[in-house]
Amino acid sequence: MSRGPRFTAASHAWHIAGGYGLLASLATALAIALREGVPWKHDKPWMTFEPLESLGISIGLGIVLALIVIVGTRISVARFSWAQRLHIELRPIAYGLTLSQIVLIAGFSSVGEELLFRGLLQPWIGLLPTSVLFGIFHQIPGQSRWVWVCWATFVGMAFGAIFEFTGSLVGPLIAHAVINAVNLAFLRDHDPMSRETADRADPA
């Protein structure tokens, strides 16, 4: 009796990475064809900087944003029930992933989403509409779907603001990749229910 194909965490990670790779290629091709420019540079940023200055400011803001979101995630999950529910509903995404698979998914998802939403769409339709679309793109089944949409919308707005301000997409790319990698590992390793169970068993 023949068995069907077995889907492992590794094959799942490569499928996700491949999909985002195709998305990045498509967004880049469309931006070059329709805008006559590359999607990692904004044609009309809020501020005009020298190229190296723009790159440095973008990277710096991206690192600061990543730290804020990562720390904010942990504080929220520790203190708020809505964040704990969201964390629990998102945990299956990270089940069985190794560190290398997490890095693979984080890197490709960052490149694919940033080139599409910030690089291709934002210069055309603006910061707010792009951020809302980015949030809707992250909708999930379950009670926490709109919490996740709102969270992704606000974070996407921060990515977009860095791009608009500096004209460089490098900072948002770095921030997005770091946030995804660190928070995927957090999803995999942290179970809010075990903490809650322990607290109930030891009320002191």
Foldseek 3Di string as FASTA:
>chain_A
DDDDDDDALVNVLVVLLVVLVVLLVVLQVCCCVPVVDGLQFAPAAPDDDDPVVLVVLLQVLLVVLLVVVLVVLVVCCVPDPLSLVVLVVCLVVLPPDDLVSQLSNLLSNLSNLCSNLQRRPCSPPHLQVSLLVQLQVQADDDDNRVVSSVVSSVSSSSLNNSCRHRRGNVSSSVNSSSNSSSVSVVSNPDRSVVVVVVCVVPVD
